Structure formats: C-alpha cells, structure tokens
Full PDB file with SEQRES, HELIX, SHEET, SSBOND, CRYST1, ORIGX, SCALE, CONECT and MASTER records, all heavy atoms in Angstrom:
SEQRES   1 A   35  PRO ILE THR ALA THR THR ALA PHE ASN ARG VAL LEU SER          
SEQRES   2 A   35  GLU GLY SER GLY SER THR ASN GLU PHE LYS HIS ASP LEU          
SEQRES   3 A   35  ASP GLU TYR VAL ALA LYS HIS LEU ASP                          
HELIX    1 AA1 THR A    6  SER A   13  1                                   8    
HELIX    2 AA2 SER A   18  LYS A   32  1                                  15    
CRYST1    1.000    1.000    1.000  90.00  90.00  90.00 P 1           1          
ORIGX1      1.000000  0.000000  0.000000        0.00000                         
ORIGX2      0.000000  1.000000  0.000000        0.00000                         
ORIGX3      0.000000  0.000000  1.000000        0.00000                         
SCALE1      1.000000  0.000000  0.000000        0.00000                         
SCALE2      0.000000  1.000000  0.000000        0.00000                         
SCALE3      0.000000  0.000000  1.000000        0.00000                         
ATOM      1  N   PRO A   1       0.822  -1.156   0.026  1.00  0.00           N  
ATOM      2  CA  PRO A   1      -0.015  -0.065  -0.024  1.00  0.00           C  
ATOM      3  C   PRO A   1       0.870   1.261  -0.039  1.00  0.00           C  
ATOM      4  O   PRO A   1       1.900   1.332   0.612  1.00  0.00           O  
ATOM      5  CB  PRO A   1      -0.777  -0.136   1.329  1.00  0.00           C  
ATOM      6  CG  PRO A   1       0.148  -0.966   2.167  1.00  0.00           C  
ATOM      7  CD  PRO A   1       0.874  -1.896   1.308  1.00  0.00           C  
ATOM      8  N   ILE A   2       0.405   2.288  -0.694  1.00  0.00           N  
ATOM      9  CA  ILE A   2       1.196   3.622  -0.861  1.00  0.00           C  
ATOM     10  C   ILE A   2       0.237   4.737  -0.551  1.00  0.00           C  
ATOM     11  O   ILE A   2      -0.948   4.684  -1.040  1.00  0.00           O  
ATOM     12  CB  ILE A   2       1.696   3.643  -2.213  1.00  0.00           C  
ATOM     13  CG1 ILE A   2       2.654   2.516  -2.600  1.00  0.00           C  
ATOM     14  CG2 ILE A   2       2.492   4.957  -2.439  1.00  0.00           C  
ATOM     15  CD1 ILE A   2       3.079   2.433  -4.082  1.00  0.00           C  
ATOM     16  N   THR A   3       0.661   5.756   0.139  1.00  0.00           N  
ATOM     17  CA  THR A   3      -0.018   6.942   0.419  1.00  0.00           C  
ATOM     18  C   THR A   3       0.144   7.925  -0.712  1.00  0.00           C  
ATOM     19  O   THR A   3       1.323   8.192  -1.115  1.00  0.00           O  
ATOM     20  CB  THR A   3       0.278   7.508   1.775  1.00  0.00           C  
ATOM     21  OG1 THR A   3       0.088   6.455   2.820  1.00  0.00           O  
ATOM     22  CG2 THR A   3      -0.557   8.766   2.051  1.00  0.00           C  
ATOM     23  N   ALA A   4      -0.935   8.445  -1.178  1.00  0.00           N  
ATOM     24  CA  ALA A   4      -0.845   9.507  -2.305  1.00  0.00           C  
ATOM     25  C   ALA A   4      -0.148  10.712  -1.786  1.00  0.00           C  
ATOM     26  O   ALA A   4      -0.409  11.175  -0.647  1.00  0.00           O  
ATOM     27  CB  ALA A   4      -2.150   9.741  -2.876  1.00  0.00           C  
ATOM     28  N   THR A   5       0.571  11.369  -2.712  1.00  0.00           N  
ATOM     29  CA  THR A   5       1.155  12.673  -2.362  1.00  0.00           C  
ATOM     30  C   THR A   5       0.332  13.685  -3.163  1.00  0.00           C  
ATOM     31  O   THR A   5      -0.431  13.384  -4.045  1.00  0.00           O  
ATOM     32  CB  THR A   5       2.603  12.701  -2.797  1.00  0.00           C  
ATOM     33  OG1 THR A   5       2.671  12.493  -4.244  1.00  0.00           O  
ATOM     34  CG2 THR A   5       3.446  11.643  -2.129  1.00  0.00           C  
ATOM     35  N   THR A   6       0.623  14.995  -2.892  1.00  0.00           N  
ATOM     36  CA  THR A   6      -0.071  16.016  -3.587  1.00  0.00           C  
ATOM     37  C   THR A   6       0.323  16.002  -5.025  1.00  0.00           C  
ATOM     38  O   THR A   6      -0.543  16.219  -5.986  1.00  0.00           O  
ATOM     39  CB  THR A   6       0.314  17.450  -3.014  1.00  0.00           C  
ATOM     40  OG1 THR A   6      -0.103  17.550  -1.633  1.00  0.00           O  
ATOM     41  CG2 THR A   6      -0.421  18.566  -3.802  1.00  0.00           C  
ATOM     42  N   ALA A   7       1.545  15.715  -5.379  1.00  0.00           N  
ATOM     43  CA  ALA A   7       1.996  15.591  -6.787  1.00  0.00           C  
ATOM     44  C   ALA A   7       1.339  14.514  -7.482  1.00  0.00           C  
ATOM     45  O   ALA A   7       0.953  14.677  -8.714  1.00  0.00           O  
ATOM     46  CB  ALA A   7       3.569  15.483  -6.840  1.00  0.00           C  
ATOM     47  N   PHE A   8       1.168  13.350  -6.793  1.00  0.00           N  
ATOM     48  CA  PHE A   8       0.435  12.299  -7.464  1.00  0.00           C  
ATOM     49  C   PHE A   8      -1.037  12.565  -7.776  1.00  0.00           C  
ATOM     50  O   PHE A   8      -1.451  12.250  -8.838  1.00  0.00           O  
ATOM     51  CB  PHE A   8       0.593  11.006  -6.518  1.00  0.00           C  
ATOM     52  CG  PHE A   8      -0.126   9.786  -7.168  1.00  0.00           C  
ATOM     53  CD1 PHE A   8       0.664   8.980  -8.099  1.00  0.00           C  
ATOM     54  CD2 PHE A   8      -1.389   9.469  -6.786  1.00  0.00           C  
ATOM     55  CE1 PHE A   8      -0.046   7.824  -8.648  1.00  0.00           C  
ATOM     56  CE2 PHE A   8      -2.050   8.342  -7.379  1.00  0.00           C  
ATOM     57  CZ  PHE A   8      -1.245   7.558  -8.265  1.00  0.00           C  
ATOM     58  N   ASN A   9      -1.653  13.212  -6.849  1.00  0.00           N  
ATOM     59  CA  ASN A   9      -2.989  13.610  -7.008  1.00  0.00           C  
ATOM     60  C   ASN A   9      -3.197  14.544  -8.250  1.00  0.00           C  
ATOM     61  O   ASN A   9      -4.154  14.594  -8.906  1.00  0.00           O  
ATOM     62  CB  ASN A   9      -3.670  14.260  -5.650  1.00  0.00           C  
ATOM     63  CG  ASN A   9      -3.830  13.183  -4.658  1.00  0.00           C  
ATOM     64  OD1 ASN A   9      -4.044  12.035  -4.958  1.00  0.00           O  
ATOM     65  ND2 ASN A   9      -3.810  13.572  -3.354  1.00  0.00           N  
ATOM     66  N   ARG A  10      -2.106  15.368  -8.391  1.00  0.00           N  
ATOM     67  CA  ARG A  10      -2.082  16.370  -9.467  1.00  0.00           C  
ATOM     68  C   ARG A  10      -2.140  15.582 -10.851  1.00  0.00           C  
ATOM     69  O   ARG A  10      -2.755  15.995 -11.881  1.00  0.00           O  
ATOM     70  CB  ARG A  10      -0.967  17.273  -9.399  1.00  0.00           C  
ATOM     71  CG  ARG A  10      -0.984  18.509 -10.270  1.00  0.00           C  
ATOM     72  CD  ARG A  10       0.167  19.427 -10.025  1.00  0.00           C  
ATOM     73  NE  ARG A  10       0.100  19.990  -8.659  1.00  0.00           N  
ATOM     74  CZ  ARG A  10       1.113  19.836  -7.763  1.00  0.00           C  
ATOM     75  NH1 ARG A  10       2.143  19.247  -8.112  1.00  0.00           N  
ATOM     76  NH2 ARG A  10       0.917  20.362  -6.519  1.00  0.00           N  
ATOM     77  N   VAL A  11      -1.337  14.421 -10.881  1.00  0.00           N  
ATOM     78  CA  VAL A  11      -1.401  13.675 -12.194  1.00  0.00           C  
ATOM     79  C   VAL A  11      -2.850  13.150 -12.412  1.00  0.00           C  
ATOM     80  O   VAL A  11      -3.267  13.194 -13.582  1.00  0.00           O  
ATOM     81  CB  VAL A  11      -0.518  12.414 -11.977  1.00  0.00           C  
ATOM     82  CG1 VAL A  11      -0.502  11.516 -13.158  1.00  0.00           C  
ATOM     83  CG2 VAL A  11       0.966  12.850 -11.671  1.00  0.00           C  
ATOM     84  N   LEU A  12      -3.536  12.647 -11.408  1.00  0.00           N  
ATOM     85  CA  LEU A  12      -4.946  12.153 -11.617  1.00  0.00           C  
ATOM     86  C   LEU A  12      -5.873  13.268 -11.917  1.00  0.00           C  
ATOM     87  O   LEU A  12      -7.061  12.992 -12.458  1.00  0.00           O  
ATOM     88  CB  LEU A  12      -5.339  11.391 -10.312  1.00  0.00           C  
ATOM     89  CG  LEU A  12      -4.656  10.037 -10.058  1.00  0.00           C  
ATOM     90  CD1 LEU A  12      -5.220   9.521  -8.736  1.00  0.00           C  
ATOM     91  CD2 LEU A  12      -4.865   9.205 -11.130  1.00  0.00           C  
ATOM     92  N   SER A  13      -5.608  14.492 -11.518  1.00  0.00           N  
ATOM     93  CA  SER A  13      -6.605  15.606 -11.748  1.00  0.00           C  
ATOM     94  C   SER A  13      -6.304  16.275 -13.128  1.00  0.00           C  
ATOM     95  O   SER A  13      -7.180  17.065 -13.469  1.00  0.00           O  
ATOM     96  CB  SER A  13      -6.450  16.554 -10.633  1.00  0.00           C  
ATOM     97  OG  SER A  13      -5.265  17.202 -10.580  1.00  0.00           O  
ATOM     98  N   GLU A  14      -5.253  16.000 -13.793  1.00  0.00           N  
ATOM     99  CA  GLU A  14      -5.109  16.651 -15.097  1.00  0.00           C  
ATOM    100  C   GLU A  14      -6.060  16.194 -16.077  1.00  0.00           C  
ATOM    101  O   GLU A  14      -6.282  15.022 -16.270  1.00  0.00           O  
ATOM    102  CB  GLU A  14      -3.627  16.317 -15.604  1.00  0.00           C  
ATOM    103  CG  GLU A  14      -3.302  16.847 -17.001  1.00  0.00           C  
ATOM    104  CD  GLU A  14      -3.103  18.351 -16.931  1.00  0.00           C  
ATOM    105  OE1 GLU A  14      -3.072  18.958 -15.897  1.00  0.00           O  
ATOM    106  OE2 GLU A  14      -2.999  18.914 -18.100  1.00  0.00           O  
ATOM    107  N   GLY A  15      -6.794  17.145 -16.725  1.00  0.00           N  
ATOM    108  CA  GLY A  15      -7.876  16.794 -17.610  1.00  0.00           C  
ATOM    109  C   GLY A  15      -7.377  16.358 -18.903  1.00  0.00           C  
ATOM    110  O   GLY A  15      -6.178  16.512 -19.253  1.00  0.00           O  
ATOM    111  N   SER A  16      -8.208  15.680 -19.684  1.00  0.00           N  
ATOM    112  CA  SER A  16      -7.945  15.108 -20.934  1.00  0.00           C  
ATOM    113  C   SER A  16      -7.524  16.293 -22.056  1.00  0.00           C  
ATOM    114  O   SER A  16      -6.890  16.146 -22.899  1.00  0.00           O  
ATOM    115  CB  SER A  16      -8.996  14.268 -21.519  1.00  0.00           C  
ATOM    116  OG  SER A  16     -10.131  15.052 -21.892  1.00  0.00           O  
ATOM    117  N   GLY A  17      -8.270  17.398 -21.839  1.00  0.00           N  
ATOM    118  CA  GLY A  17      -8.002  18.509 -22.735  1.00  0.00           C  
ATOM    119  C   GLY A  17      -8.529  18.380 -24.045  1.00  0.00           C  
ATOM    120  O   GLY A  17      -8.012  18.912 -25.005  1.00  0.00           O  
ATOM    121  N   SER A  18      -9.564  17.586 -24.337  1.00  0.00           N  
ATOM    122  CA  SER A  18     -10.056  17.372 -25.636  1.00  0.00           C  
ATOM    123  C   SER A  18     -10.539  18.625 -26.283  1.00  0.00           C  
ATOM    124  O   SER A  18     -10.495  18.820 -27.504  1.00  0.00           O  
ATOM    125  CB  SER A  18     -11.208  16.307 -25.597  1.00  0.00           C  
ATOM    126  OG  SER A  18     -12.292  16.735 -24.723  1.00  0.00           O  
ATOM    127  N   THR A  19     -11.035  19.630 -25.515  1.00  0.00           N  
ATOM    128  CA  THR A  19     -11.364  20.931 -26.042  1.00  0.00           C  
ATOM    129  C   THR A  19     -10.164  21.564 -26.646  1.00  0.00           C  
ATOM    130  O   THR A  19     -10.317  22.141 -27.806  1.00  0.00           O  
ATOM    131  CB  THR A  19     -12.059  21.804 -24.940  1.00  0.00           C  
ATOM    132  OG1 THR A  19     -13.260  21.307 -24.529  1.00  0.00           O  
ATOM    133  CG2 THR A  19     -12.344  23.219 -25.472  1.00  0.00           C  
ATOM    134  N   ASN A  20      -9.097  21.537 -26.017  1.00  0.00           N  
ATOM    135  CA  ASN A  20      -7.946  22.277 -26.563  1.00  0.00           C  
ATOM    136  C   ASN A  20      -7.317  21.680 -27.736  1.00  0.00           C  
ATOM    137  O   ASN A  20      -6.694  22.418 -28.588  1.00  0.00           O  
ATOM    138  CB  ASN A  20      -6.771  22.384 -25.439  1.00  0.00           C  
ATOM    139  CG  ASN A  20      -7.204  23.246 -24.275  1.00  0.00           C  
ATOM    140  OD1 ASN A  20      -7.871  24.374 -24.423  1.00  0.00           O  
ATOM    141  ND2 ASN A  20      -6.876  22.869 -23.067  1.00  0.00           N  
ATOM    142  N   GLU A  21      -7.366  20.375 -27.882  1.00  0.00           N  
ATOM    143  CA  GLU A  21      -6.675  19.656 -29.012  1.00  0.00           C  
ATOM    144  C   GLU A  21      -7.489  19.301 -30.218  1.00  0.00           C  
ATOM    145  O   GLU A  21      -7.087  19.017 -31.307  1.00  0.00           O  
ATOM    146  CB  GLU A  21      -5.990  18.429 -28.468  1.00  0.00           C  
ATOM    147  CG  GLU A  21      -6.981  17.353 -28.050  1.00  0.00           C  
ATOM    148  CD  GLU A  21      -6.203  16.159 -27.588  1.00  0.00           C  
ATOM    149  OE1 GLU A  21      -5.025  15.985 -27.483  1.00  0.00           O  
ATOM    150  OE2 GLU A  21      -6.921  15.242 -26.915  1.00  0.00           O  
ATOM    151  N   PHE A  22      -8.827  19.354 -29.978  1.00  0.00           N  
ATOM    152  CA  PHE A  22      -9.699  18.794 -31.007  1.00  0.00           C  
ATOM    153  C   PHE A  22      -9.623  19.525 -32.370  1.00  0.00           C  
ATOM    154  O   PHE A  22      -9.396  18.842 -33.408  1.00  0.00           O  
ATOM    155  CB  PHE A  22     -11.255  18.873 -30.501  1.00  0.00           C  
ATOM    156  CG  PHE A  22     -12.167  18.088 -31.398  1.00  0.00           C  
ATOM    157  CD1 PHE A  22     -12.469  16.829 -31.137  1.00  0.00           C  
ATOM    158  CD2 PHE A  22     -12.818  18.648 -32.481  1.00  0.00           C  
ATOM    159  CE1 PHE A  22     -13.311  16.086 -32.003  1.00  0.00           C  
ATOM    160  CE2 PHE A  22     -13.687  18.097 -33.269  1.00  0.00           C  
ATOM    161  CZ  PHE A  22     -13.972  16.680 -33.067  1.00  0.00           C  
ATOM    162  N   LYS A  23      -9.678  20.787 -32.350  1.00  0.00           N  
ATOM    163  CA  LYS A  23      -9.675  21.605 -33.591  1.00  0.00           C  
ATOM    164  C   LYS A  23      -8.329  21.406 -34.341  1.00  0.00           C  
ATOM    165  O   LYS A  23      -8.246  21.144 -35.533  1.00  0.00           O  
ATOM    166  CB  LYS A  23      -9.934  23.088 -33.398  1.00  0.00           C  
ATOM    167  CG  LYS A  23      -9.936  23.920 -34.607  1.00  0.00           C  
ATOM    168  CD  LYS A  23     -10.142  25.406 -34.294  1.00  0.00           C  
ATOM    169  CE  LYS A  23     -10.131  26.322 -35.410  1.00  0.00           C  
ATOM    170  NZ  LYS A  23     -10.299  27.691 -35.120  1.00  0.00           N  
ATOM    171  N   HIS A  24      -7.186  21.514 -33.587  1.00  0.00           N  
ATOM    172  CA  HIS A  24      -5.894  21.334 -34.109  1.00  0.00           C  
ATOM    173  C   HIS A  24      -5.716  20.024 -34.746  1.00  0.00           C  
ATOM    174  O   HIS A  24      -5.331  19.907 -35.880  1.00  0.00           O  
ATOM    175  CB  HIS A  24      -4.871  21.551 -32.989  1.00  0.00           C  
ATOM    176  CG  HIS A  24      -3.390  21.290 -33.457  1.00  0.00           C  
ATOM    177  ND1 HIS A  24      -2.924  20.024 -33.493  1.00  0.00           N  
ATOM    178  CD2 HIS A  24      -2.513  22.140 -33.969  1.00  0.00           C  
ATOM    179  CE1 HIS A  24      -1.622  20.085 -33.840  1.00  0.00           C  
ATOM    180  NE2 HIS A  24      -1.374  21.312 -34.156  1.00  0.00           N  
ATOM    181  N   ASP A  25      -6.062  18.916 -34.055  1.00  0.00           N  
ATOM    182  CA  ASP A  25      -5.955  17.610 -34.548  1.00  0.00           C  
ATOM    183  C   ASP A  25      -6.863  17.293 -35.794  1.00  0.00           C  
ATOM    184  O   ASP A  25      -6.412  16.540 -36.697  1.00  0.00           O  
ATOM    185  CB  ASP A  25      -6.204  16.510 -33.386  1.00  0.00           C  
ATOM    186  CG  ASP A  25      -5.016  16.605 -32.416  1.00  0.00           C  
ATOM    187  OD1 ASP A  25      -4.130  17.370 -32.541  1.00  0.00           O  
ATOM    188  OD2 ASP A  25      -5.170  15.855 -31.365  1.00  0.00           O  
ATOM    189  N   LEU A  26      -8.041  17.873 -35.634  1.00  0.00           N  
ATOM    190  CA  LEU A  26      -8.974  17.655 -36.801  1.00  0.00           C  
ATOM    191  C   LEU A  26      -8.416  18.326 -38.067  1.00  0.00           C  
ATOM    192  O   LEU A  26      -8.441  17.692 -39.154  1.00  0.00           O  
ATOM    193  CB  LEU A  26     -10.342  18.220 -36.535  1.00  0.00           C  
ATOM    194  CG  LEU A  26     -11.441  18.129 -37.621  1.00  0.00           C  
ATOM    195  CD1 LEU A  26     -11.724  16.608 -37.938  1.00  0.00           C  
ATOM    196  CD2 LEU A  26     -12.653  18.890 -37.181  1.00  0.00           C  
ATOM    197  N   ASP A  27      -7.966  19.489 -38.015  1.00  0.00           N  
ATOM    198  CA  ASP A  27      -7.411  20.215 -39.149  1.00  0.00           C  
ATOM    199  C   ASP A  27      -6.163  19.449 -39.703  1.00  0.00           C  
ATOM    200  O   ASP A  27      -5.985  19.341 -40.865  1.00  0.00           O  
ATOM    201  CB  ASP A  27      -6.994  21.645 -38.693  1.00  0.00           C  
ATOM    202  CG  ASP A  27      -8.144  22.552 -38.450  1.00  0.00           C  
ATOM    203  OD1 ASP A  27      -9.271  22.161 -38.747  1.00  0.00           O  
ATOM    204  OD2 ASP A  27      -7.958  23.646 -37.777  1.00  0.00           O  
ATOM    205  N   GLU A  28      -5.407  18.905 -38.728  1.00  0.00           N  
ATOM    206  CA  GLU A  28      -4.191  18.142 -39.316  1.00  0.00           C  
ATOM    207  C   GLU A  28      -4.650  16.863 -39.985  1.00  0.00           C  
ATOM    208  O   GLU A  28      -4.068  16.560 -41.015  1.00  0.00           O  
ATOM    209  CB  GLU A  28      -3.333  17.775 -38.090  1.00  0.00           C  
ATOM    210  CG  GLU A  28      -1.910  17.260 -38.491  1.00  0.00           C  
ATOM    211  CD  GLU A  28      -1.020  17.110 -37.242  1.00  0.00           C  
ATOM    212  OE1 GLU A  28      -0.997  16.107 -36.577  1.00  0.00           O  
ATOM    213  OE2 GLU A  28      -0.187  18.053 -37.078  1.00  0.00           O  
ATOM    214  N   TYR A  29      -5.603  16.225 -39.446  1.00  0.00           N  
ATOM    215  CA  TYR A  29      -6.110  15.016 -40.090  1.00  0.00           C  
ATOM    216  C   TYR A  29      -6.699  15.352 -41.517  1.00  0.00           C  
ATOM    217  O   TYR A  29      -6.492  14.636 -42.470  1.00  0.00           O  
ATOM    218  CB  TYR A  29      -7.186  14.337 -39.191  1.00  0.00           C  
ATOM    219  CG  TYR A  29      -7.833  13.189 -39.883  1.00  0.00           C  
ATOM    220  CD1 TYR A  29      -7.301  11.932 -39.978  1.00  0.00           C  
ATOM    221  CD2 TYR A  29      -9.176  13.385 -40.430  1.00  0.00           C  
ATOM    222  CE1 TYR A  29      -7.907  10.863 -40.640  1.00  0.00           C  
ATOM    223  CE2 TYR A  29      -9.674  12.274 -41.212  1.00  0.00           C  
ATOM    224  CZ  TYR A  29      -9.114  11.042 -41.238  1.00  0.00           C  
ATOM    225  OH  TYR A  29      -9.757  10.020 -41.889  1.00  0.00           O  
ATOM    226  N   VAL A  30      -7.468  16.379 -41.524  1.00  0.00           N  
ATOM    227  CA  VAL A  30      -8.154  16.693 -42.763  1.00  0.00           C  
ATOM    228  C   VAL A  30      -7.007  17.088 -43.884  1.00  0.00           C  
ATOM    229  O   VAL A  30      -7.198  16.628 -45.093  1.00  0.00           O  
ATOM    230  CB  VAL A  30      -9.057  17.968 -42.601  1.00  0.00           C  
ATOM    231  CG1 VAL A  30      -9.428  18.574 -43.921  1.00  0.00           C  
ATOM    232  CG2 VAL A  30     -10.309  17.624 -41.807  1.00  0.00           C  
ATOM    233  N   ALA A  31      -5.998  17.737 -43.443  1.00  0.00           N  
ATOM    234  CA  ALA A  31      -4.950  18.171 -44.465  1.00  0.00           C  
ATOM    235  C   ALA A  31      -4.178  16.985 -44.875  1.00  0.00           C  
ATOM    236  O   ALA A  31      -3.767  16.909 -46.122  1.00  0.00           O  
ATOM    237  CB  ALA A  31      -4.093  19.200 -43.736  1.00  0.00           C  
ATOM    238  N   LYS A  32      -3.988  15.991 -44.168  1.00  0.00           N  
ATOM    239  CA  LYS A  32      -3.128  14.884 -44.421  1.00  0.00           C  
ATOM    240  C   LYS A  32      -3.857  13.665 -44.966  1.00  0.00           C  
ATOM    241  O   LYS A  32      -3.229  12.806 -45.745  1.00  0.00           O  
ATOM    242  CB  LYS A  32      -2.237  14.474 -43.295  1.00  0.00           C  
ATOM    243  CG  LYS A  32      -1.194  15.564 -42.930  1.00  0.00           C  
ATOM    244  CD  LYS A  32      -0.417  15.065 -41.666  1.00  0.00           C  
ATOM    245  CE  LYS A  32       0.642  16.105 -41.300  1.00  0.00           C  
ATOM    246  NZ  LYS A  32       1.477  15.709 -40.163  1.00  0.00           N  
ATOM    247  N   HIS A  33      -5.054  13.459 -44.547  1.00  0.00           N  
ATOM    248  CA  HIS A  33      -5.656  12.029 -44.736  1.00  0.00           C  
ATOM    249  C   HIS A  33      -7.106  12.082 -45.267  1.00  0.00           C  
ATOM    250  O   HIS A  33      -7.488  11.084 -45.928  1.00  0.00           O  
ATOM    251  CB  HIS A  33      -5.660  11.307 -43.397  1.00  0.00           C  
ATOM    252  CG  HIS A  33      -4.392  11.182 -42.759  1.00  0.00           C  
ATOM    253  ND1 HIS A  33      -3.435  10.390 -43.274  1.00  0.00           N  
ATOM    254  CD2 HIS A  33      -3.964  11.682 -41.577  1.00  0.00           C  
ATOM    255  CE1 HIS A  33      -2.301  10.367 -42.511  1.00  0.00           C  
ATOM    256  NE2 HIS A  33      -2.596  11.188 -41.506  1.00  0.00           N  
ATOM    257  N   LEU A  34      -7.859  13.147 -45.157  1.00  0.00           N  
ATOM    258  CA  LEU A  34      -9.253  13.026 -45.520  1.00  0.00           C  
ATOM    259  C   LEU A  34      -9.440  13.056 -47.058  1.00  0.00           C  
ATOM    260  O   LEU A  34      -8.705  13.893 -47.744  1.00  0.00           O  
ATOM    261  CB  LEU A  34     -10.040  14.228 -44.901  1.00  0.00           C  
ATOM    262  CG  LEU A  34     -11.554  14.189 -45.081  1.00  0.00           C  
ATOM    263  CD1 LEU A  34     -12.149  12.986 -44.336  1.00  0.00           C  
ATOM    264  CD2 LEU A  34     -12.196  15.449 -44.580  1.00  0.00           C  
ATOM    265  N   ASP A  35     -10.269  12.204 -47.566  1.00  0.00           N  
ATOM    266  CA  ASP A  35     -10.587  12.157 -48.978  1.00  0.00           C  
ATOM    267  C   ASP A  35     -11.049  13.517 -49.472  1.00  0.00           C  
ATOM    268  O   ASP A  35     -11.851  14.251 -48.827  1.00  0.00           O  
ATOM    269  CB  ASP A  35     -11.789  11.204 -49.194  1.00  0.00           C  
ATOM    270  CG  ASP A  35     -12.012  10.857 -50.657  1.00  0.00           C  
ATOM    271  OD1 ASP A  35     -12.249  11.860 -51.471  1.00  0.00           O  
ATOM    272  OD2 ASP A  35     -11.918   9.622 -51.056  1.00  0.00           O  
TER     273      ASP A  35                                                      
MASTER        0    0    0    2    0    0    0    6  272    1    0    3          
END                                                                             
C-alpha cells in the first residue's frame, strides 16, 4: 500500500484537454488524410 502525495493527485486531476486539442488535430487529419 502507498499513500498518495499532492504531486500524485495532480497527475490524476489533469484533464484530457479534448477541447484544446480537437480543432488542431482535426485540421491536421483533414490536411493529411481526408478524402
């Protein structure tokens, strides 16, 4: 058993950030791969 540290809890609390990356990644996909 291990006790969590504040730094470890910060790892678990970091969001996926899909809002921040969605437009960028979509534009990149369209430019390189979309029919």
